[in-house]
Amino acid sequence: MVSKRIEPHRVFRFLWQILIAWALIALATYCGFDLQVNLATISSLYLLVVVATATFFGFWQASLTSLMAVACLDFFFLPPFFRFNVTDPQDWVALGTFEATALAIGRLSARELRSAREAALHRMGMEKLYELSRNFLLLDLRQPPGPQLVVLIQRIFGTRAVALFDNYLGRQDRMGDWGEGEQNLAQECFKRNTDREDRATETAERIMQDASGSVGAIAIRGKVSPPVVDALASLAVIAIDRYQSFGKEEKAEAASKGEQLRAAVMDALGHEFKNPLATVQTASSGLLELGGLNPTQCELAQLIESESVRLNELCTRLLLTAKLEADQVGLKTDCVNVGELISEALMSRAAGEILDRIDVAVEDPTLSLWVDRGMVVMILAQYIDNARKYSTPGSSIRIAAQVSQAGVVISVHNVGSTVRDEDKERIFDRFYRAPDSKDNVSGTGIGLSVARKAAEAHRGQVWVKSDEKEGTTFFLSLPLGARRRR
């Protein structure tokens, strides 16, 4: 906590001002006594000195000067002379009237002087705020704003000390002469969450707030008006916000470039793998067609063929992912019956082993959509493949389709291992696999990301609900009014 103290230079300035004012009183007394002026004239002269003192120095200096003037009036100009002894009641009235008048005029003059000084200080502060605003646009947004701001504020406003605490970065920056115990003044202001003014040390502390709450605090020591301090706190908030926004933009740009590079690599790899895989698949099929293989050789040839088909599907997904990321896929939409889409997906290799466990329920057998048949079948096949991998052996898998307010919702439900809440969004990210399943179940982490991109290409969406009691359900929502992309 800052201790309230009066600085020595302020005391010396006050004493010098009093001495100057009293010297003027002494000069007026000498001239009045030497010229034998009357009481009204010397009173007016004293009053002029009091008003001048109030105007140039302040009220308290004028008050002490008025007391000195009253003492001189009594000692030099009221009988008995050269003695502090007022016997005539009229003299008491005169002295009292003079003192009251001097104090009133002095107070008014001091008030006007203070208002003029505050106005000048405020005007100067506005001019410096304008200069700071111009320099504000030149801040290096790649560097923390705190060190730059404290240097600018102290240089432009000529403050004795500046401190700024940035809660976002967890750092405090200081410039100038801070005393012992004041090193963390701005941080303490932030923790206290209250503004504070210390007139004795000319220190102002302000909380820096934006729409989300307190983002830091600023402490300034010097002759800066309160409105200007408030404006400086607001500018500091804007600087911190610009720094954060710039950092987010840089990260987003870097991530976007990384995604573009990764999509390009996947596209190139997919194309390069396609031709040799087709050759391997053709050769394995040819061996099986020729015959003459013993059981072991036949089993190996079948294994080669099935794995080459699997690799070919994976390459197809990689190519499709690259195109979807680059928004280069033109949807070939047709009016397709929803039941037919589900049947096609069930005929895929993924569902071949579990057809006897699958239960299909379509709300309206005539329900149709304008979609890219191949893409939607791919999404449903991926859902069915996931249900096959993660469902309890022998349990049923339910596929349902119904109309909702958003369009048509197709769901694939199974009972078995569940998806954690923290993974429900991330499993649709490319290459992400849940920690509790990536070592137990084979997969690449590509299928669901392709499903989401394909759904978004249709202006639809995908999501999952999962808990131990109800099981896991993957959803695909497609708008009824979807039409061919131009």
Protein backbone atom coordinates (compact mmCIF):
# COMPACT_ATOMS: atom_id res chain seq x y z
CA MET A 1 0.00 0.00 0.00
CA VAL A 2 1.32 3.47 -0.90
CA SER A 3 2.03 5.65 2.14
CA LYS A 4 0.68 9.18 1.85
CA ARG A 5 3.60 11.58 2.24
CA ILE A 6 4.31 15.20 1.34
CA GLU A 7 7.35 15.45 -0.87
CA PRO A 8 10.12 17.84 0.31
CA HIS A 9 10.12 19.94 -2.85
CA ARG A 10 6.43 20.71 -2.38
CA VAL A 11 7.08 21.93 1.19
CA PHE A 12 9.96 24.13 0.05
CA ARG A 13 7.85 25.60 -2.75
CA PHE A 14 5.03 26.39 -0.30
CA LEU A 15 7.45 28.15 2.11
CA TRP A 16 9.02 30.20 -0.68
CA GLN A 17 5.60 31.33 -1.87
CA ILE A 18 4.68 32.41 1.67
CA LEU A 19 7.95 34.32 2.01
CA ILE A 20 7.35 36.12 -1.30
CA ALA A 21 3.80 37.07 -0.30
CA TRP A 22 4.93 38.29 3.11
CA ALA A 23 7.71 40.28 1.49
CA LEU A 24 5.10 42.06 -0.62
CA ILE A 25 3.08 42.76 2.53
CA ALA A 26 6.23 44.16 4.15
CA LEU A 27 6.91 46.35 1.10
CA ALA A 28 3.32 47.64 1.11
CA THR A 29 3.59 48.33 4.87
CA TYR A 30 6.82 50.28 4.45
CA CYS A 31 5.44 52.36 1.61
CA GLY A 32 2.15 53.01 3.42
CA PHE A 33 3.85 53.95 6.68
CA ASP A 34 6.38 56.16 4.95
CA LEU A 35 3.75 57.96 2.88
CA GLN A 36 1.32 58.18 5.84
CA VAL A 37 -1.58 56.74 3.83
CA ASN A 38 -4.97 56.27 5.45
CA LEU A 39 -6.48 52.98 6.60
CA ALA A 40 -8.68 52.51 3.52
CA THR A 41 -5.74 52.89 1.12
CA ILE A 42 -3.43 50.47 2.92
CA SER A 43 -6.29 47.97 3.33
CA SER A 44 -6.89 48.06 -0.43
CA LEU A 45 -3.17 47.57 -1.05
CA TYR A 46 -3.07 44.59 1.33
CA LEU A 47 -6.19 43.16 -0.33
CA LEU A 48 -4.50 43.42 -3.71
CA VAL A 49 -1.51 41.43 -2.40
CA VAL A 50 -3.84 38.74 -0.97
CA VAL A 51 -5.72 38.43 -4.27
CA ALA A 52 -2.45 38.19 -6.23
CA THR A 53 -1.22 35.51 -3.82
CA ALA A 54 -4.42 33.50 -4.23
CA THR A 55 -4.25 33.84 -8.01
CA PHE A 56 -0.65 32.76 -8.47
CA PHE A 57 0.03 30.54 -5.44
CA GLY A 58 -3.18 29.21 -3.92
CA PHE A 59 -5.79 29.55 -1.18
CA TRP A 60 -3.71 28.48 1.81
CA GLN A 61 -0.88 30.82 0.91
CA ALA A 62 -3.44 33.64 0.56
CA SER A 63 -4.99 32.78 3.94
CA LEU A 64 -1.65 33.06 5.76
CA THR A 65 -0.88 36.27 3.87
CA SER A 66 -4.23 37.76 4.95
CA LEU A 67 -3.41 37.00 8.59
CA MET A 68 -0.06 38.74 8.13
CA ALA A 69 -1.86 41.72 6.59
CA VAL A 70 -4.30 41.96 9.53
CA ALA A 71 -1.38 41.85 11.96
CA CYS A 72 0.36 44.68 10.09
CA LEU A 73 -2.84 46.76 10.01
CA ASP A 74 -3.23 46.41 13.78
CA PHE A 75 0.44 47.04 14.58
CA PHE A 76 1.22 49.92 12.21
CA PHE A 77 -2.03 51.62 11.26
CA LEU A 78 -4.49 51.31 14.19
CA PRO A 79 -4.02 53.13 17.55
CA PRO A 80 -2.30 52.43 19.79
CA PHE A 81 0.46 52.21 17.20
CA PHE A 82 3.24 49.62 17.39
CA ARG A 83 1.21 47.48 19.72
CA PHE A 84 -1.12 44.49 19.14
CA ASN A 85 -4.03 45.97 21.03
CA VAL A 86 -7.33 46.84 19.37
CA THR A 87 -9.53 48.80 21.76
CA ASP A 88 -12.09 50.46 19.49
CA PRO A 89 -14.97 48.13 18.43
CA GLN A 90 -14.93 49.84 15.05
CA ASP A 91 -11.36 48.66 14.58
CA TRP A 92 -12.46 45.09 15.30
CA VAL A 93 -15.19 45.41 12.70
CA ALA A 94 -12.73 46.82 10.17
CA LEU A 95 -10.17 44.07 10.77
CA GLY A 96 -12.84 41.36 10.69
CA THR A 97 -14.35 42.74 7.51
CA PHE A 98 -10.91 42.90 5.89
CA GLU A 99 -10.05 39.31 6.88
CA ALA A 100 -13.41 37.95 5.69
CA THR A 101 -13.16 39.84 2.41
CA ALA A 102 -9.57 38.70 1.87
CA LEU A 103 -10.45 35.08 2.55
CA ALA A 104 -13.52 35.13 0.32
CA ILE A 105 -11.72 36.78 -2.58
CA GLY A 106 -8.72 34.53 -2.03
CA ARG A 107 -10.88 31.43 -2.10
CA LEU A 108 -12.64 32.52 -5.29
CA SER A 109 -9.35 33.38 -6.95
CA ALA A 110 -7.78 30.09 -5.87
CA ARG A 111 -10.80 28.19 -7.19
CA GLU A 112 -10.61 29.97 -10.54
CA LEU A 113 -6.87 29.35 -10.64
CA ARG A 114 -7.36 25.66 -9.91
CA SER A 115 -10.08 25.39 -12.58
CA ALA A 116 -7.86 27.15 -15.11
CA ARG A 117 -4.95 24.85 -14.30
CA GLU A 118 -7.14 21.76 -14.55
CA ALA A 119 -8.53 22.94 -17.87
CA ALA A 120 -5.03 23.61 -19.19
CA LEU A 121 -3.86 20.23 -17.89
CA HIS A 122 -6.85 18.53 -19.48
CA ARG A 123 -6.29 20.31 -22.80
CA MET A 124 -2.64 19.38 -22.76
CA GLY A 125 -3.61 15.81 -21.89
CA MET A 126 -5.96 15.64 -24.88
CA GLU A 127 -3.19 16.88 -27.17
CA LYS A 128 -0.83 14.26 -25.83
CA LEU A 129 -3.52 11.59 -26.11
CA TYR A 130 -3.78 12.44 -29.79
CA GLU A 131 -0.02 12.05 -30.15
CA LEU A 132 -0.16 8.75 -28.26
CA SER A 133 -2.98 7.53 -30.51
CA ARG A 134 -0.84 8.18 -33.58
CA ASN A 135 2.07 6.25 -32.08
CA PHE A 136 -0.41 3.60 -30.95
CA LEU A 137 -0.91 2.52 -34.58
CA LEU A 138 2.82 1.86 -34.91
CA LEU A 139 3.03 -0.67 -32.07
CA ASP A 140 4.74 -3.95 -32.98
CA LEU A 141 1.92 -6.48 -32.55
CA ARG A 142 4.43 -9.34 -32.56
CA GLN A 143 5.82 -8.06 -29.25
CA PRO A 144 3.99 -7.75 -25.89
CA PRO A 145 2.23 -4.36 -25.67
CA GLY A 146 3.15 -3.60 -22.04
CA PRO A 147 6.82 -2.58 -22.49
CA GLN A 148 5.95 -0.46 -25.53
CA LEU A 149 3.06 1.33 -23.82
CA VAL A 150 4.91 2.31 -20.63
CA VAL A 151 7.75 3.80 -22.69
CA LEU A 152 5.33 5.77 -24.89
CA ILE A 153 3.26 7.07 -21.93
CA GLN A 154 6.28 8.25 -19.98
CA ARG A 155 7.90 9.87 -23.03
CA ILE A 156 4.79 11.67 -24.30
CA PHE A 157 3.17 12.65 -20.97
CA GLY A 158 6.40 13.26 -19.05
CA THR A 159 5.19 11.23 -16.07
CA ARG A 160 7.54 10.37 -13.26
CA ALA A 161 6.59 6.68 -13.33
CA VAL A 162 4.29 4.26 -15.17
CA ALA A 163 3.39 0.63 -14.43
CA LEU A 164 1.11 -1.68 -16.45
CA PHE A 165 -0.07 -5.18 -15.52
CA ASP A 166 -1.30 -7.44 -18.36
CA ASN A 167 -3.31 -10.33 -16.94
CA TYR A 168 -3.45 -12.08 -20.35
CA LEU A 169 0.35 -12.46 -20.38
CA GLY A 170 0.71 -12.47 -16.59
CA ARG A 171 3.40 -9.78 -16.63
CA GLN A 172 3.93 -6.29 -15.19
CA ASP A 173 6.05 -3.65 -16.92
CA ARG A 174 7.42 -0.55 -15.16
CA MET A 175 9.19 2.66 -16.07
CA GLY A 176 10.35 5.54 -13.87
CA ASP A 177 10.90 6.12 -10.18
CA TRP A 178 8.86 3.67 -8.10
CA GLY A 179 9.70 3.54 -4.42
CA GLU A 180 10.25 0.56 -2.16
CA GLY A 181 7.07 -1.49 -1.80
CA GLU A 182 5.61 -0.09 -5.04
CA GLN A 183 7.15 -2.55 -7.49
CA ASN A 184 3.86 -4.45 -7.96
CA LEU A 185 1.50 -1.48 -7.65
CA ALA A 186 -0.41 -2.18 -10.89
CA GLN A 187 -0.74 -5.89 -10.14
CA GLU A 188 -2.04 -5.12 -6.64
CA CYS A 189 -4.60 -2.73 -8.17
CA PHE A 190 -5.79 -5.55 -10.46
CA LYS A 191 -6.14 -7.95 -7.55
CA ARG A 192 -7.97 -5.32 -5.50
CA ASN A 193 -10.19 -4.58 -8.54
CA THR A 194 -10.77 -0.95 -7.52
CA ASP A 195 -9.50 2.39 -8.84
CA ARG A 196 -7.58 4.67 -6.51
CA GLU A 197 -6.22 8.25 -6.41
CA ASP A 198 -3.39 9.47 -4.17
CA ARG A 199 -3.16 13.27 -4.44
CA ALA A 200 -0.19 13.49 -2.09
CA THR A 201 2.01 11.45 -4.45
CA GLU A 202 0.06 12.32 -7.64
CA THR A 203 -0.50 8.61 -8.28
CA ALA A 204 -3.55 7.30 -10.15
CA GLU A 205 -4.45 3.59 -10.40
CA ARG A 206 -7.03 2.30 -12.86
CA ILE A 207 -8.53 -1.12 -13.63
CA MET A 208 -8.43 -1.94 -17.36
CA GLN A 209 -11.70 -3.56 -18.42
CA ASP A 210 -13.24 -4.86 -21.63
CA ALA A 211 -16.55 -6.59 -22.35
CA SER A 212 -15.36 -9.83 -20.73
CA GLY A 213 -14.11 -8.22 -17.49
CA SER A 214 -10.80 -6.99 -16.05
CA VAL A 215 -7.79 -7.54 -18.29
CA GLY A 216 -5.19 -5.69 -16.24
CA ALA A 217 -4.39 -2.45 -14.42
CA ILE A 218 -2.34 0.70 -14.94
CA ALA A 219 -0.66 3.02 -12.41
CA ILE A 220 0.60 6.50 -13.36
CA ARG A 221 2.54 8.95 -11.21
CA GLY A 222 2.65 12.54 -12.41
CA LYS A 223 0.50 15.51 -13.38
CA VAL A 224 -2.15 13.76 -15.46
CA SER A 225 -5.84 14.61 -15.11
CA PRO A 226 -8.25 11.78 -14.10
CA PRO A 227 -10.11 11.79 -17.45
CA VAL A 228 -6.81 11.38 -19.28
CA VAL A 229 -5.83 8.51 -17.00
CA ASP A 230 -9.17 6.85 -17.81
CA ALA A 231 -8.48 7.33 -21.52
CA LEU A 232 -4.99 5.82 -21.15
CA ALA A 233 -6.49 2.76 -19.45
CA SER A 234 -8.94 2.36 -22.34
CA LEU A 235 -6.16 2.69 -24.92
CA ALA A 236 -4.14 0.06 -23.08
CA VAL A 237 -7.13 -2.32 -23.23
CA ILE A 238 -7.37 -1.76 -27.00
CA ALA A 239 -3.64 -2.44 -27.39
CA ILE A 240 -3.92 -5.72 -25.47
CA ASP A 241 -6.96 -6.72 -27.53
CA ARG A 242 -5.12 -5.95 -30.80
CA TYR A 243 -2.15 -8.01 -29.65
CA GLN A 244 -4.39 -10.98 -28.82
CA SER A 245 -6.33 -10.70 -32.09
CA PHE A 246 -3.13 -10.48 -34.11
CA GLY A 247 -1.77 -13.59 -32.38
CA LYS A 248 -4.96 -15.50 -33.13
CA GLU A 249 -4.88 -14.38 -36.76
CA GLU A 250 -1.25 -15.50 -37.11
CA LYS A 251 -2.07 -18.90 -35.62
CA ALA A 252 -5.10 -19.27 -37.87
CA GLU A 253 -3.06 -18.31 -40.93
CA ALA A 254 -0.30 -20.75 -40.01
CA ALA A 255 -2.87 -23.49 -39.43
CA SER A 256 -4.52 -22.73 -42.77
CA LYS A 257 -1.19 -22.94 -44.61
CA GLY A 258 -0.42 -26.19 -42.79
CA GLU A 259 -3.78 -27.62 -43.83
CA GLN A 260 -3.20 -26.60 -47.44
CA LEU A 261 0.23 -28.22 -47.45
CA ARG A 262 -1.10 -31.37 -45.84
CA ALA A 263 -3.98 -31.56 -48.33
CA ALA A 264 -1.54 -31.15 -51.22
CA VAL A 265 0.70 -33.93 -49.85
CA MET A 266 -2.27 -36.25 -49.38
CA ASP A 267 -3.49 -35.52 -52.89
CA ALA A 268 -0.07 -36.32 -54.34
CA LEU A 269 0.30 -39.51 -52.29
CA GLY A 270 -3.19 -40.66 -53.20
CA HIS A 271 -2.52 -40.28 -56.89
CA GLU A 272 0.88 -41.95 -56.64
CA PHE A 273 -0.55 -44.96 -54.76
CA LYS A 274 -3.54 -45.48 -57.04
CA ASN A 275 -1.70 -46.97 -60.04
CA PRO A 276 0.47 -49.54 -58.21
CA LEU A 277 -2.51 -50.58 -56.07
CA ALA A 278 -4.59 -51.16 -59.17
CA THR A 279 -1.79 -53.30 -60.56
CA VAL A 280 -1.52 -55.33 -57.34
CA GLN A 281 -5.28 -55.79 -57.20
CA THR A 282 -5.44 -56.91 -60.86
CA ALA A 283 -2.54 -59.34 -60.38
CA SER A 284 -4.07 -60.93 -57.27
CA SER A 285 -7.44 -61.29 -58.98
CA GLY A 286 -5.71 -62.84 -62.00
CA LEU A 287 -3.92 -65.40 -59.85
CA LEU A 288 -7.21 -66.44 -58.26
CA GLU A 289 -8.89 -66.67 -61.68
CA LEU A 290 -6.11 -68.79 -63.17
CA GLY A 291 -6.44 -71.36 -60.39
CA GLY A 292 -3.92 -74.12 -59.73
CA LEU A 293 -2.99 -72.64 -56.37
CA ASN A 294 -2.71 -74.73 -53.25
CA PRO A 295 -4.81 -73.71 -50.25
CA THR A 296 -2.01 -71.66 -48.67
CA GLN A 297 -1.25 -69.81 -51.90
CA CYS A 298 -4.95 -69.19 -52.48
CA GLU A 299 -5.31 -67.75 -48.98
CA LEU A 300 -2.33 -65.44 -49.51
CA ALA A 301 -3.69 -64.25 -52.87
CA GLN A 302 -7.07 -63.50 -51.27
CA LEU A 303 -5.34 -61.60 -48.47
CA ILE A 304 -3.39 -59.54 -51.03
CA GLU A 305 -6.59 -58.74 -52.92
CA SER A 306 -8.60 -57.74 -49.83
CA GLU A 307 -5.82 -55.54 -48.46
CA SER A 308 -5.25 -53.89 -51.84
CA VAL A 309 -8.97 -53.09 -51.97
CA ARG A 310 -8.71 -51.61 -48.47
CA LEU A 311 -5.69 -49.51 -49.46
CA ASN A 312 -7.49 -48.37 -52.58
CA GLU A 313 -10.44 -47.19 -50.47
CA LEU A 314 -8.07 -45.36 -48.16
CA CYS A 315 -6.42 -43.59 -51.13
CA THR A 316 -9.86 -42.63 -52.41
CA ARG A 317 -10.65 -41.06 -49.03
CA LEU A 318 -7.34 -39.20 -48.99
CA LEU A 319 -8.04 -37.75 -52.44
CA LEU A 320 -11.57 -36.82 -51.46
CA THR A 321 -10.37 -35.19 -48.24
CA ALA A 322 -7.85 -33.08 -50.16
CA LYS A 323 -10.55 -31.92 -52.57
CA LEU A 324 -13.03 -31.20 -49.80
CA GLU A 325 -10.43 -29.16 -47.90
CA ALA A 326 -9.69 -27.14 -51.02
CA ASP A 327 -13.43 -26.81 -51.79
CA GLN A 328 -12.84 -28.33 -55.21
CA VAL A 329 -15.62 -30.93 -55.09
CA GLY A 330 -18.57 -30.31 -57.38
CA LEU A 331 -21.54 -32.25 -56.02
CA LYS A 332 -23.30 -34.42 -58.57
CA THR A 333 -26.72 -34.28 -56.97
CA ASP A 334 -29.68 -36.42 -57.89
CA CYS A 335 -33.04 -37.10 -56.29
CA VAL A 336 -32.27 -40.28 -54.34
CA ASN A 337 -34.54 -42.35 -52.12
CA VAL A 338 -33.27 -42.47 -48.54
CA GLY A 339 -34.01 -46.17 -48.23
CA GLU A 340 -31.90 -46.84 -51.34
CA LEU A 341 -29.01 -44.87 -49.86
CA ILE A 342 -29.11 -47.00 -46.71
CA SER A 343 -29.33 -50.22 -48.78
CA GLU A 344 -26.28 -49.21 -50.84
CA ALA A 345 -24.33 -48.49 -47.68
CA LEU A 346 -25.32 -51.90 -46.29
CA MET A 347 -23.95 -53.57 -49.42
CA SER A 348 -20.51 -52.11 -48.80
CA ARG A 349 -17.65 -54.23 -47.56
CA ALA A 350 -17.93 -52.65 -44.10
CA ALA A 351 -21.42 -54.12 -43.49
CA GLY A 352 -20.92 -57.50 -45.09
CA GLU A 353 -20.19 -59.29 -41.81
CA ILE A 354 -23.06 -57.85 -39.75
CA LEU A 355 -26.12 -57.79 -42.00
CA ASP A 356 -27.94 -60.19 -39.70
CA ARG A 357 -27.47 -57.74 -36.77
CA ILE A 358 -28.76 -54.62 -38.55
CA ASP A 359 -32.27 -53.23 -38.06
CA VAL A 360 -33.42 -50.50 -40.49
CA ALA A 361 -36.33 -48.12 -39.77
CA VAL A 362 -37.23 -45.46 -42.36
CA GLU A 363 -40.12 -43.23 -41.29
CA ASP A 364 -41.40 -42.67 -44.84
CA PRO A 365 -40.48 -45.19 -47.58
CA THR A 366 -40.93 -42.46 -50.24
CA LEU A 367 -38.57 -40.01 -48.50
CA SER A 368 -36.04 -38.62 -51.00
CA LEU A 369 -33.17 -36.12 -51.01
CA TRP A 370 -31.21 -34.15 -53.57
CA VAL A 371 -27.69 -35.33 -52.72
CA ASP A 372 -24.48 -36.69 -54.18
CA ARG A 373 -25.26 -40.39 -53.92
CA GLY A 374 -21.65 -41.55 -53.64
CA MET A 375 -20.76 -39.12 -50.85
CA VAL A 376 -23.79 -39.87 -48.70
CA VAL A 377 -23.32 -43.64 -49.14
CA MET A 378 -19.70 -43.15 -48.06
CA ILE A 379 -20.82 -41.31 -44.88
CA LEU A 380 -23.32 -44.03 -43.97
CA ALA A 381 -20.80 -46.78 -44.73
CA GLN A 382 -18.34 -45.08 -42.38
CA TYR A 383 -20.98 -44.93 -39.62
CA ILE A 384 -21.83 -48.62 -40.14
CA ASP A 385 -18.14 -49.58 -40.12
CA ASN A 386 -17.67 -47.73 -36.82
CA ALA A 387 -20.70 -49.51 -35.35
CA ARG A 388 -19.25 -52.85 -36.45
CA LYS A 389 -15.86 -52.11 -34.84
CA TYR A 390 -17.05 -50.68 -31.54
CA SER A 391 -20.30 -52.54 -30.82
CA THR A 392 -20.60 -55.43 -28.39
CA PRO A 393 -20.29 -58.73 -30.36
CA GLY A 394 -23.73 -60.08 -31.25
CA SER A 395 -25.58 -56.84 -30.33
CA SER A 396 -27.98 -55.21 -32.80
CA ILE A 397 -27.20 -52.11 -34.84
CA ARG A 398 -30.13 -49.80 -35.62
CA ILE A 399 -30.27 -47.49 -38.65
CA ALA A 400 -33.12 -44.94 -38.67
CA ALA A 401 -34.22 -42.07 -40.91
CA GLN A 402 -36.81 -39.44 -40.09
CA VAL A 403 -37.83 -35.90 -41.02
CA SER A 404 -36.96 -33.08 -38.60
CA GLN A 405 -37.26 -29.29 -38.69
CA ALA A 406 -33.75 -29.00 -40.16
CA GLY A 407 -34.33 -31.66 -42.84
CA VAL A 408 -33.73 -35.41 -42.81
CA VAL A 409 -31.80 -37.02 -39.97
CA ILE A 410 -30.22 -40.45 -40.51
CA SER A 411 -28.78 -42.17 -37.42
CA VAL A 412 -26.72 -45.30 -36.76
CA HIS A 413 -26.97 -46.65 -33.19
CA ASN A 414 -24.95 -49.36 -31.48
CA VAL A 415 -24.28 -50.59 -27.95
CA GLY A 416 -20.68 -51.01 -26.89
CA SER A 417 -17.73 -48.75 -26.14
CA THR A 418 -18.72 -45.10 -25.68
CA VAL A 419 -17.25 -41.79 -26.78
CA ARG A 420 -16.00 -39.49 -24.02
CA ASP A 421 -17.55 -36.01 -23.80
CA GLU A 422 -14.20 -34.35 -24.52
CA ASP A 423 -13.83 -36.43 -27.70
CA LYS A 424 -17.29 -35.88 -29.20
CA GLU A 425 -16.09 -32.98 -31.34
CA ARG A 426 -12.49 -34.04 -31.83
CA ILE A 427 -13.24 -37.46 -33.36
CA PHE A 428 -14.41 -35.58 -36.47
CA ASP A 429 -10.96 -33.96 -36.81
CA ARG A 430 -8.62 -35.51 -39.32
CA PHE A 431 -6.23 -38.14 -37.93
CA TYR A 432 -7.62 -37.84 -34.39
CA ARG A 433 -8.40 -41.08 -32.57
CA ALA A 434 -9.69 -41.39 -29.00
CA PRO A 435 -6.92 -42.49 -26.61
CA ASP A 436 -8.93 -45.41 -25.21
CA SER A 437 -9.54 -46.94 -28.66
CA LYS A 438 -6.58 -46.16 -30.90
CA ASP A 439 -4.54 -49.08 -29.52
CA ASN A 440 -7.41 -51.59 -29.50
CA VAL A 441 -9.23 -50.98 -32.79
CA SER A 442 -7.65 -50.54 -36.21
CA GLY A 443 -8.27 -47.27 -38.02
CA THR A 444 -6.69 -44.21 -39.62
CA GLY A 445 -8.68 -41.33 -38.12
CA ILE A 446 -9.66 -40.16 -41.62
CA GLY A 447 -13.16 -41.61 -42.15
CA LEU A 448 -15.14 -39.38 -39.78
CA SER A 449 -13.31 -36.24 -40.91
CA VAL A 450 -14.25 -37.03 -44.52
CA ALA A 451 -17.84 -37.66 -43.37
CA ARG A 452 -18.02 -34.22 -41.75
CA LYS A 453 -16.55 -32.46 -44.80
CA ALA A 454 -18.92 -34.32 -47.13
CA ALA A 455 -21.91 -33.36 -44.94
CA GLU A 456 -20.81 -29.72 -44.87
CA ALA A 457 -20.52 -29.79 -48.67
CA HIS A 458 -24.26 -30.63 -48.66
CA ARG A 459 -24.89 -27.83 -46.10
CA GLY A 460 -25.57 -30.54 -43.53
CA GLN A 461 -23.91 -31.56 -40.29
CA VAL A 462 -22.77 -34.60 -38.32
CA TRP A 463 -22.62 -35.25 -34.57
CA VAL A 464 -22.58 -38.02 -32.01
CA LYS A 465 -24.36 -38.81 -28.74
CA SER A 466 -22.90 -41.40 -26.44
CA ASP A 467 -23.27 -42.69 -22.89
CA GLU A 468 -22.96 -46.06 -21.18
CA LYS A 469 -26.69 -46.43 -20.60
CA GLU A 470 -28.08 -45.52 -24.06
CA GLY A 471 -25.11 -46.52 -26.21
CA THR A 472 -23.60 -44.55 -29.12
CA THR A 473 -25.49 -42.91 -31.98
CA PHE A 474 -23.94 -41.10 -34.94
CA PHE A 475 -26.20 -38.62 -36.75
CA LEU A 476 -26.22 -37.18 -40.26
CA SER A 477 -28.53 -34.23 -40.96
CA LEU A 478 -29.18 -33.16 -44.56
CA PRO A 479 -31.47 -30.31 -45.70
CA LEU A 480 -34.57 -31.28 -47.65
CA GLY A 481 -34.15 -28.39 -50.09
CA ALA A 482 -30.55 -29.17 -51.11
CA ARG A 483 -29.92 -28.72 -54.82
CA ARG A 484 -27.05 -29.19 -57.21
CA ARG A 485 -24.04 -26.93 -56.57
CA ARG A 486 -23.26 -24.60 -59.43
